[in-house]
């Protein structure tokens, strides 16, 4: 009986710790530094070709990974607007994104 209670306590403590660390506070500046070269490469491509690339790969980039998953790239329906993002609301509790129409990093928590 005592072993079962001890095992249950270990499980509950483990679950409690996992829940506590579910959302890790991002290092905003580090993520922005990781994303800045992506933004620059996309802007260079757009300047040279008159349109944004259709994917990271089209402008010679591999989507880097972060502690919060891979960076994502999207192009608007009009084909001229674009953005990149990292993070996931449900998993990380935030999304950091660059939208070319704003021209700056946006933190959404």
C-alpha atoms as a PDB file:
ATOM      1  CA  UNK A   1       0.000   0.000   0.000  1.00  0.00           C
ATOM      2  CA  UNK A   2       2.801   2.408   0.891  1.00  0.00           C
ATOM      3  CA  UNK A   3       4.553   1.648  -2.417  1.00  0.00           C
ATOM      4  CA  UNK A   4       1.359   2.444  -4.341  1.00  0.00           C
ATOM      5  CA  UNK A   5       0.983   5.765  -2.534  1.00  0.00           C
ATOM      6  CA  UNK A   6       4.609   6.635  -3.169  1.00  0.00           C
ATOM      7  CA  UNK A   7       4.212   5.746  -6.855  1.00  0.00           C
ATOM      8  CA  UNK A   8       1.065   7.844  -7.113  1.00  0.00           C
ATOM      9  CA  UNK A   9       2.842  10.769  -5.449  1.00  0.00           C
ATOM     10  CA  UNK A  10       5.718  10.509  -7.940  1.00  0.00           C
ATOM     11  CA  UNK A  11       3.275  10.489 -10.864  1.00  0.00           C
ATOM     12  CA  UNK A  12       1.344  13.470  -9.508  1.00  0.00           C
ATOM     13  CA  UNK A  13       4.518  15.446  -8.862  1.00  0.00           C
ATOM     14  CA  UNK A  14       5.800  14.636 -12.339  1.00  0.00           C
ATOM     15  CA  UNK A  15       2.535  15.750 -13.935  1.00  0.00           C
ATOM     16  CA  UNK A  16       2.516  18.886 -11.835  1.00  0.00           C
ATOM     17  CA  UNK A  17       6.055  19.748 -12.902  1.00  0.00           C
ATOM     18  CA  UNK A  18       5.236  19.072 -16.544  1.00  0.00           C
ATOM     19  CA  UNK A  19       2.247  21.393 -16.330  1.00  0.00           C
ATOM     20  CA  UNK A  20       4.333  24.074 -14.625  1.00  0.00           C
ATOM     21  CA  UNK A  21       6.840  24.054 -17.494  1.00  0.00           C
ATOM     22  CA  UNK A  22       4.263  23.733 -20.252  1.00  0.00           C
ATOM     23  CA  UNK A  23       4.848  27.339 -21.314  1.00  0.00           C
ATOM     24  CA  UNK A  24       8.489  28.312 -21.247  1.00  0.00           C
ATOM     25  CA  UNK A  25       9.092  32.048 -21.374  1.00  0.00           C
ATOM     26  CA  UNK A  26      10.751  32.813 -24.713  1.00  0.00           C
ATOM     27  CA  UNK A  27      13.950  34.807 -25.020  1.00  0.00           C
ATOM     28  CA  UNK A  28      12.442  37.381 -27.371  1.00  0.00           C
ATOM     29  CA  UNK A  29      15.738  38.935 -28.409  1.00  0.00           C
ATOM     30  CA  UNK A  30      17.321  35.574 -29.177  1.00  0.00           C
ATOM     31  CA  UNK A  31      14.340  34.557 -31.318  1.00  0.00           C
ATOM     32  CA  UNK A  32      14.427  37.887 -33.147  1.00  0.00           C
ATOM     33  CA  UNK A  33      18.167  37.479 -33.793  1.00  0.00           C
ATOM     34  CA  UNK A  34      17.436  34.022 -35.201  1.00  0.00           C
ATOM     35  CA  UNK A  35      14.672  35.415 -37.415  1.00  0.00           C
ATOM     36  CA  UNK A  36      16.479  38.566 -38.638  1.00  0.00           C
ATOM     37  CA  UNK A  37      18.559  36.719 -41.293  1.00  0.00           C
ATOM     38  CA  UNK A  38      15.364  35.082 -42.581  1.00  0.00           C
ATOM     39  CA  UNK A  39      13.683  38.470 -42.942  1.00  0.00           C
ATOM     40  CA  UNK A  40      16.766  39.914 -44.678  1.00  0.00           C
ATOM     41  CA  UNK A  41      16.985  37.006 -47.146  1.00  0.00           C
ATOM     42  CA  UNK A  42      13.283  37.267 -48.004  1.00  0.00           C
ATOM     43  CA  UNK A  43      13.544  41.034 -48.451  1.00  0.00           C
ATOM     44  CA  UNK A  44      16.602  40.605 -50.708  1.00  0.00           C
ATOM     45  CA  UNK A  45      14.762  38.023 -52.806  1.00  0.00           C
ATOM     46  CA  UNK A  46      11.738  40.309 -53.069  1.00  0.00           C
ATOM     47  CA  UNK A  47      13.911  43.239 -54.148  1.00  0.00           C
ATOM     48  CA  UNK A  48      15.644  41.151 -56.829  1.00  0.00           C
ATOM     49  CA  UNK A  49      12.536  39.393 -58.195  1.00  0.00           C
ATOM     50  CA  UNK A  50       9.756  41.907 -57.589  1.00  0.00           C
ATOM     51  CA  UNK A  51       7.829  39.454 -55.432  1.00  0.00           C
ATOM     52  CA  UNK A  52       8.381  37.485 -52.256  1.00  0.00           C
ATOM     53  CA  UNK A  53       9.513  33.869 -52.544  1.00  0.00           C
ATOM     54  CA  UNK A  54       6.883  31.152 -52.431  1.00  0.00           C
ATOM     55  CA  UNK A  55       8.804  29.318 -49.704  1.00  0.00           C
ATOM     56  CA  UNK A  56      11.951  29.481 -47.609  1.00  0.00           C
ATOM     57  CA  UNK A  57      13.508  27.035 -50.044  1.00  0.00           C
ATOM     58  CA  UNK A  58      12.892  29.266 -53.073  1.00  0.00           C
ATOM     59  CA  UNK A  59      15.171  31.918 -51.616  1.00  0.00           C
ATOM     60  CA  UNK A  60      17.772  29.365 -50.534  1.00  0.00           C
ATOM     61  CA  UNK A  61      16.781  29.036 -46.880  1.00  0.00           C
ATOM     62  CA  UNK A  62      16.089  26.008 -44.770  1.00  0.00           C
ATOM     63  CA  UNK A  63      13.539  26.698 -42.057  1.00  0.00           C
ATOM     64  CA  UNK A  64      15.583  26.788 -38.873  1.00  0.00           C
ATOM     65  CA  UNK A  65      14.277  25.157 -35.747  1.00  0.00           C
ATOM     66  CA  UNK A  66      13.994  26.809 -32.384  1.00  0.00           C
ATOM     67  CA  UNK A  67      13.124  25.607 -28.916  1.00  0.00           C
ATOM     68  CA  UNK A  68       9.572  26.454 -29.970  1.00  0.00           C
ATOM     69  CA  UNK A  69       9.475  24.435 -33.183  1.00  0.00           C
ATOM     70  CA  UNK A  70      10.347  25.355 -36.757  1.00  0.00           C
ATOM     71  CA  UNK A  71       9.996  28.820 -38.204  1.00  0.00           C
ATOM     72  CA  UNK A  72       7.026  29.130 -40.546  1.00  0.00           C
ATOM     73  CA  UNK A  73       6.726  31.261 -43.682  1.00  0.00           C
ATOM     74  CA  UNK A  74       3.532  32.399 -45.296  1.00  0.00           C
ATOM     75  CA  UNK A  75       2.570  34.444 -48.350  1.00  0.00           C
ATOM     76  CA  UNK A  76      -0.715  36.332 -48.477  1.00  0.00           C
ATOM     77  CA  UNK A  77      -3.443  35.505 -50.976  1.00  0.00           C
ATOM     78  CA  UNK A  78      -2.476  38.519 -53.055  1.00  0.00           C
ATOM     79  CA  UNK A  79       1.022  37.042 -53.499  1.00  0.00           C
ATOM     80  CA  UNK A  80       2.738  40.235 -52.400  1.00  0.00           C
ATOM     81  CA  UNK A  81       2.451  40.207 -48.614  1.00  0.00           C
ATOM     82  CA  UNK A  82       4.404  37.764 -46.478  1.00  0.00           C
ATOM     83  CA  UNK A  83       5.478  36.960 -42.966  1.00  0.00           C
ATOM     84  CA  UNK A  84       7.356  34.539 -40.779  1.00  0.00           C
ATOM     85  CA  UNK A  85       6.487  33.205 -37.348  1.00  0.00           C
ATOM     86  CA  UNK A  86       7.612  30.902 -34.592  1.00  0.00           C
ATOM     87  CA  UNK A  87       5.798  29.551 -31.561  1.00  0.00           C
ATOM     88  CA  UNK A  88       2.349  28.061 -31.171  1.00  0.00           C
ATOM     89  CA  UNK A  89      -0.423  29.405 -28.939  1.00  0.00           C
ATOM     90  CA  UNK A  90      -1.587  26.066 -27.601  1.00  0.00           C
ATOM     91  CA  UNK A  91       1.845  24.532 -27.162  1.00  0.00           C
ATOM     92  CA  UNK A  92       4.006  27.560 -26.270  1.00  0.00           C
ATOM     93  CA  UNK A  93       1.532  30.237 -25.199  1.00  0.00           C
ATOM     94  CA  UNK A  94       2.800  32.758 -27.770  1.00  0.00           C
ATOM     95  CA  UNK A  95       3.577  33.482 -31.405  1.00  0.00           C
ATOM     96  CA  UNK A  96       6.384  35.783 -32.504  1.00  0.00           C
ATOM     97  CA  UNK A  97       5.917  37.025 -36.037  1.00  0.00           C
ATOM     98  CA  UNK A  98       7.217  39.423 -38.652  1.00  0.00           C
ATOM     99  CA  UNK A  99       4.635  40.724 -41.078  1.00  0.00           C
ATOM    100  CA  UNK A 100       6.079  42.742 -43.948  1.00  0.00           C
ATOM    101  CA  UNK A 101       3.161  45.183 -43.825  1.00  0.00           C
ATOM    102  CA  UNK A 102       4.216  46.225 -40.288  1.00  0.00           C
ATOM    103  CA  UNK A 103       7.953  45.918 -40.878  1.00  0.00           C
ATOM    104  CA  UNK A 104       8.726  44.943 -37.311  1.00  0.00           C
ATOM    105  CA  UNK A 105       8.591  42.022 -34.893  1.00  0.00           C
ATOM    106  CA  UNK A 106       5.295  41.477 -33.121  1.00  0.00           C
ATOM    107  CA  UNK A 107       4.864  39.428 -29.951  1.00  0.00           C
ATOM    108  CA  UNK A 108       1.454  37.903 -29.460  1.00  0.00           C
ATOM    109  CA  UNK A 109       0.830  36.222 -26.099  1.00  0.00           C
END
